[in-house]
Amino acid sequence: MRCGRFDLPAHRPLIMGVANATPDSFSDAGQFLSTQAVIDHAWQLIDAGADILDIGGESTRPGAQPVTEADELARILPVLRACRDAAVPISVDSMKPAVMRIALAEGASMINDVNALQLPGAMQAVADSDCLLCLMHMQGEPRSMQVDPCYDDVVSEVAQFLQQRAEVCVRFGIDPARIVLDPGFGFGKTLQHNLALLRGLGELLALGYPVLAGLSRKSMLGALTGRPAGERLAGSVAAALLAAQRGATILRVHDVAETRDVLAVWHALEQSSIACTP
């Protein structure tokens, strides 16, 4: 995968660590309110073994209110500047074209867009760069996406949408090696929709692009375990492992070290199995 100045391997699951520079993130209960706290946390994620760092300045949790470009940039740019010389690529989680342009000029190597580059100007903002692009499916928009999500066949509908968005990118001149697809767990989906998508990751992989799975601390895990966001570590690493076993290339997680440990055990078992095969 082409990711700015980085070439990322696709033969093993990559861990994307989440650094939220937002006061209203669902996952950390405002734990990182100061800029320095976010920067410190970002470096902790890198030191813990994150393959990619994902910086976000606008919450997209259900019911979240939009923020201005100026506010979003004020939140993410200090973190991006503090980490841009790290040995791993920096991703910026944004749907705003102006934010994308500035983030790429400031050294970001990846744009993670929950709106799949659908806003006017978004495609133009990224086309001439060499950044990696994550196109995500979302039914509706954050303020209302969980009101009553409905699908006839969630896996095929999500796959069709992502295929169409990838085709638009390619027609616009974007190298397919720069495209990653994300089914958008929790973004306009019920628990059953999310489980169907996890079971059906193979259908998305059949489109020919790497798949990113963002299940960490999501409400679906709360529904399954009865635990609040801050107590979903076990559920999160279990979900990450299941996604990896089903072929996900990038795992977007809050708990980097724990996810690496789980993947290391799984990888050792898989390698041992291969070595023992006559």
Protein backbone atom coordinates (compact mmCIF):
# COMPACT_ATOMS: atom_id res chain seq x y z
CA MET A 1 0.00 0.00 0.00
CA ARG A 2 1.29 3.45 -0.91
CA CYS A 3 1.13 5.77 2.09
CA GLY A 4 2.99 8.99 1.45
CA ARG A 5 6.73 8.34 2.01
CA PHE A 6 5.91 4.88 3.38
CA ASP A 7 5.27 1.55 1.68
CA LEU A 8 3.04 -0.46 3.99
CA PRO A 9 3.01 -4.26 3.93
CA ALA A 10 -0.27 -6.00 3.16
CA HIS A 11 0.77 -9.51 4.24
CA ARG A 12 -0.03 -8.97 7.94
CA PRO A 13 -2.60 -6.96 9.90
CA LEU A 14 -1.43 -3.42 10.64
CA ILE A 15 -2.40 -1.65 13.85
CA MET A 16 -3.68 1.91 13.60
CA GLY A 17 -3.58 3.69 16.97
CA VAL A 18 -6.26 6.28 17.68
CA ALA A 19 -5.32 9.70 19.05
CA ASN A 20 -8.47 11.77 19.55
CA ALA A 21 -7.91 15.52 19.88
CA THR A 22 -11.57 16.06 20.74
CA PRO A 23 -13.32 16.97 24.00
CA ASP A 24 -16.30 14.72 23.29
CA SER A 25 -14.87 11.40 22.09
CA PHE A 26 -17.01 8.42 23.10
CA SER A 27 -13.99 6.25 23.88
CA ASP A 28 -11.88 8.20 26.35
CA ALA A 29 -14.40 10.28 28.32
CA GLY A 30 -12.44 13.50 27.83
CA GLN A 31 -9.24 11.96 29.16
CA PHE A 32 -7.06 13.90 26.72
CA LEU A 33 -8.39 17.44 26.93
CA SER A 34 -5.09 19.33 26.60
CA THR A 35 -3.01 19.39 23.43
CA GLN A 36 0.04 18.14 25.30
CA ALA A 37 -1.95 15.22 26.70
CA VAL A 38 -2.94 14.20 23.15
CA ILE A 39 0.66 14.52 21.95
CA ASP A 40 1.93 12.42 24.85
CA HIS A 41 -0.74 9.81 24.17
CA ALA A 42 0.13 9.77 20.47
CA TRP A 43 3.78 9.01 21.22
CA GLN A 44 2.73 6.33 23.70
CA LEU A 45 0.74 4.66 20.92
CA ILE A 46 3.73 4.81 18.59
CA ASP A 47 6.06 3.46 21.27
CA ALA A 48 3.56 0.66 21.96
CA GLY A 49 3.94 -0.50 18.37
CA ALA A 50 1.30 1.26 16.29
CA ASP A 51 1.99 0.86 12.57
CA ILE A 52 -0.08 3.98 11.79
CA LEU A 53 -1.18 6.88 14.01
CA ASP A 54 -4.68 8.26 13.32
CA ILE A 55 -5.34 11.81 14.58
CA GLY A 56 -8.92 13.07 14.77
CA GLY A 57 -10.18 16.56 15.59
CA GLU A 58 -13.93 16.09 15.12
CA SER A 59 -15.97 13.50 16.96
CA THR A 60 -18.13 11.27 14.76
CA ARG A 61 -19.84 9.42 17.60
CA PRO A 62 -23.64 9.09 17.30
CA GLY A 63 -25.23 12.47 17.98
CA ALA A 64 -21.97 14.39 17.54
CA GLN A 65 -22.20 18.01 16.41
CA PRO A 66 -19.99 19.27 13.56
CA VAL A 67 -17.04 21.56 14.23
CA THR A 68 -15.60 24.33 12.09
CA GLU A 69 -12.52 23.91 9.93
CA ALA A 70 -10.64 26.34 12.16
CA ASP A 71 -11.47 24.42 15.33
CA GLU A 72 -10.59 21.08 13.77
CA LEU A 73 -7.25 22.38 12.52
CA ALA A 74 -6.48 23.97 15.88
CA ARG A 75 -6.94 20.56 17.49
CA ILE A 76 -5.01 18.36 15.05
CA LEU A 77 -2.15 20.49 13.73
CA PRO A 78 -0.12 20.67 16.97
CA VAL A 79 -0.34 16.88 17.27
CA LEU A 80 0.51 16.32 13.61
CA ARG A 81 3.50 18.66 13.82
CA ALA A 82 4.75 16.99 16.99
CA CYS A 83 4.58 13.50 15.44
CA ARG A 84 5.17 13.97 11.72
CA ASP A 85 8.82 12.88 11.90
CA ALA A 86 7.89 9.59 13.57
CA ALA A 87 8.92 6.35 11.93
CA VAL A 88 5.28 5.51 11.17
CA PRO A 89 2.78 7.24 8.88
CA ILE A 90 0.38 9.79 10.34
CA SER A 91 -3.25 9.58 9.29
CA VAL A 92 -5.72 12.44 9.71
CA ASP A 93 -9.35 11.52 10.31
CA SER A 94 -11.33 14.23 8.54
CA MET A 95 -14.06 14.72 5.95
CA LYS A 96 -13.29 18.38 5.23
CA PRO A 97 -11.35 19.13 2.02
CA ALA A 98 -9.60 22.18 3.48
CA VAL A 99 -8.44 20.19 6.48
CA MET A 100 -7.20 17.42 4.18
CA ARG A 101 -5.15 19.84 2.09
CA ILE A 102 -3.50 21.48 5.08
CA ALA A 103 -2.88 18.18 6.86
CA LEU A 104 -1.14 16.75 3.77
CA ALA A 105 0.95 19.91 3.42
CA GLU A 106 1.95 19.52 7.08
CA GLY A 107 3.19 15.97 6.60
CA ALA A 108 0.22 13.61 6.92
CA SER A 109 0.59 10.41 4.90
CA MET A 110 -3.01 9.19 5.02
CA ILE A 111 -6.52 10.64 4.98
CA ASN A 112 -9.20 8.65 6.79
CA ASP A 113 -12.58 9.98 5.60
CA VAL A 114 -15.81 8.70 7.15
CA ASN A 115 -17.63 10.35 4.24
CA ALA A 116 -15.65 8.51 1.53
CA LEU A 117 -14.56 11.72 -0.25
CA GLN A 118 -18.12 12.72 -1.10
CA LEU A 119 -17.96 16.38 -0.06
CA PRO A 120 -17.34 18.85 -2.91
CA GLY A 121 -13.61 19.35 -3.31
CA ALA A 122 -12.57 16.31 -1.29
CA MET A 123 -11.40 14.30 -4.28
CA GLN A 124 -9.42 17.26 -5.60
CA ALA A 125 -7.82 17.79 -2.20
CA VAL A 126 -6.17 14.37 -2.19
CA ALA A 127 -5.83 13.32 -5.83
CA ASP A 128 -2.44 14.89 -6.53
CA SER A 129 -0.81 13.63 -3.34
CA ASP A 130 0.63 10.19 -2.70
CA CYS A 131 -1.33 9.65 0.51
CA LEU A 132 -3.22 6.50 1.42
CA LEU A 133 -7.00 7.00 1.40
CA CYS A 134 -9.53 5.22 3.57
CA LEU A 135 -13.06 5.29 2.19
CA MET A 136 -15.71 4.50 4.81
CA HIS A 137 -19.39 3.65 4.56
CA MET A 138 -21.80 5.61 6.74
CA GLN A 139 -25.58 5.59 6.46
CA GLY A 140 -26.75 9.15 7.14
CA GLU A 141 -24.58 11.51 9.19
CA PRO A 142 -23.26 11.38 12.77
CA ARG A 143 -26.06 13.39 14.38
CA SER A 144 -28.78 11.00 13.22
CA MET A 145 -27.12 7.86 11.84
CA GLN A 146 -28.25 5.60 14.68
CA VAL A 147 -31.90 6.71 14.73
CA ASP A 148 -33.24 3.84 12.63
CA PRO A 149 -30.61 2.32 10.29
CA CYS A 150 -32.17 -0.02 7.75
CA TYR A 151 -30.82 -2.30 5.00
CA ASP A 152 -32.20 -5.10 2.86
CA ASP A 153 -28.76 -6.76 2.77
CA VAL A 154 -26.18 -4.78 4.74
CA VAL A 155 -23.12 -6.62 3.45
CA SER A 156 -23.97 -6.35 -0.24
CA GLU A 157 -25.17 -2.73 0.10
CA VAL A 158 -22.02 -1.64 1.93
CA ALA A 159 -19.86 -3.51 -0.58
CA GLN A 160 -21.68 -1.88 -3.50
CA PHE A 161 -21.24 1.60 -2.04
CA LEU A 162 -17.53 1.10 -1.35
CA GLN A 163 -16.93 -0.36 -4.80
CA GLN A 164 -18.63 2.65 -6.38
CA ARG A 165 -16.56 5.10 -4.33
CA ALA A 166 -13.34 3.26 -5.18
CA GLU A 167 -14.26 3.34 -8.88
CA VAL A 168 -14.87 7.09 -8.69
CA CYS A 169 -11.41 7.53 -7.16
CA VAL A 170 -9.75 5.45 -9.88
CA ARG A 171 -11.58 7.38 -12.62
CA PHE A 172 -10.28 10.55 -10.98
CA GLY A 173 -6.74 9.28 -11.47
CA ILE A 174 -6.05 7.90 -8.00
CA ASP A 175 -3.82 4.81 -7.96
CA PRO A 176 -5.76 1.79 -6.61
CA ALA A 177 -2.71 1.06 -4.41
CA ARG A 178 -3.69 4.15 -2.41
CA ILE A 179 -7.22 2.94 -1.56
CA VAL A 180 -8.42 1.19 1.60
CA LEU A 181 -12.08 0.35 2.33
CA ASP A 182 -13.84 0.56 5.70
CA PRO A 183 -17.35 -0.91 6.23
CA GLY A 184 -17.99 1.64 8.99
CA PHE A 185 -18.87 -0.48 12.00
CA GLY A 186 -21.28 1.51 14.17
CA PHE A 187 -21.90 4.21 11.57
CA GLY A 188 -25.58 3.82 10.81
CA LYS A 189 -25.71 0.14 11.75
CA THR A 190 -27.48 -1.92 14.39
CA LEU A 191 -25.77 -4.66 16.37
CA GLN A 192 -26.99 -7.25 13.89
CA HIS A 193 -25.76 -5.17 10.95
CA ASN A 194 -22.32 -4.92 12.56
CA LEU A 195 -22.14 -8.65 13.21
CA ALA A 196 -23.20 -9.39 9.64
CA LEU A 197 -20.45 -7.11 8.32
CA LEU A 198 -17.84 -8.78 10.52
CA ARG A 199 -18.94 -12.20 9.27
CA GLY A 200 -18.99 -10.90 5.71
CA LEU A 201 -15.60 -9.18 5.51
CA GLY A 202 -14.65 -11.64 2.78
CA GLU A 203 -17.23 -10.06 0.46
CA LEU A 204 -15.54 -6.69 0.92
CA LEU A 205 -12.07 -8.17 0.41
CA ALA A 206 -13.32 -9.66 -2.86
CA LEU A 207 -13.50 -6.10 -4.21
CA GLY A 208 -9.70 -6.21 -4.41
CA TYR A 209 -8.76 -3.57 -1.86
CA PRO A 210 -7.37 -3.77 1.68
CA VAL A 211 -10.02 -3.48 4.39
CA LEU A 212 -9.80 -1.42 7.59
CA ALA A 213 -11.82 -2.61 10.59
CA GLY A 214 -12.63 -0.14 13.36
CA LEU A 215 -14.36 -2.08 16.13
CA SER A 216 -12.44 -0.83 19.15
CA ARG A 217 -14.66 0.09 22.13
CA LYS A 218 -17.70 0.44 19.85
CA SER A 219 -21.25 0.37 21.23
CA MET A 220 -21.80 -3.05 19.65
CA LEU A 221 -19.27 -4.40 22.15
CA GLY A 222 -21.15 -2.67 24.93
CA ALA A 223 -24.36 -4.29 23.77
CA LEU A 224 -22.70 -7.70 23.74
CA THR A 225 -20.85 -7.40 27.06
CA GLY A 226 -22.86 -4.87 29.04
CA ARG A 227 -19.72 -2.83 29.69
CA PRO A 228 -19.15 0.93 29.25
CA ALA A 229 -16.63 2.20 26.70
CA GLY A 230 -13.72 2.34 29.14
CA GLU A 231 -14.17 -1.32 30.11
CA ARG A 232 -14.31 -2.90 26.65
CA LEU A 233 -10.68 -3.96 26.33
CA ALA A 234 -11.37 -7.70 26.19
CA GLY A 235 -14.20 -7.26 23.71
CA SER A 236 -12.08 -4.91 21.59
CA VAL A 237 -9.10 -7.22 21.25
CA ALA A 238 -11.41 -10.17 20.57
CA ALA A 239 -13.13 -8.20 17.80
CA ALA A 240 -9.75 -7.13 16.38
CA LEU A 241 -8.58 -10.74 16.28
CA LEU A 242 -11.79 -11.88 14.58
CA ALA A 243 -11.41 -9.13 11.98
CA ALA A 244 -7.78 -10.09 11.38
CA GLN A 245 -8.71 -13.75 10.99
CA ARG A 246 -11.27 -12.71 8.39
CA GLY A 247 -8.68 -10.80 6.39
CA ALA A 248 -8.72 -7.20 7.66
CA THR A 249 -5.49 -5.43 6.72
CA ILE A 250 -5.70 -2.48 9.14
CA LEU A 251 -7.13 -2.65 12.65
CA ARG A 252 -8.06 0.75 14.07
CA VAL A 253 -7.71 0.42 17.84
CA HIS A 254 -7.34 2.38 21.07
CA ASP A 255 -5.37 -0.36 22.87
CA VAL A 256 -2.28 -0.88 20.74
CA ALA A 257 -0.07 -2.96 23.02
CA GLU A 258 -2.83 -5.40 23.94
CA THR A 259 -3.86 -5.82 20.30
CA ARG A 260 -0.26 -6.49 19.28
CA ASP A 261 0.01 -9.18 21.95
CA VAL A 262 -3.13 -10.93 20.73
CA LEU A 263 -1.94 -10.82 17.11
CA ALA A 264 1.50 -12.11 18.13
CA VAL A 265 -0.05 -15.19 19.75
CA TRP A 266 -2.30 -15.81 16.75
CA HIS A 267 0.59 -15.32 14.31
CA ALA A 268 2.80 -17.74 16.27
CA LEU A 269 0.08 -20.36 16.19
CA GLU A 270 -0.45 -19.91 12.46
CA GLN A 271 3.30 -20.14 11.74
CA SER A 272 3.60 -23.22 13.94
CA SER A 273 0.77 -24.85 12.03
CA ILE A 274 2.47 -24.13 8.71
CA ALA A 275 5.82 -25.45 9.95
CA CYS A 276 4.23 -28.71 11.11
CA THR A 277 2.43 -29.36 7.84
CA PRO A 278 4.20 -32.16 5.93
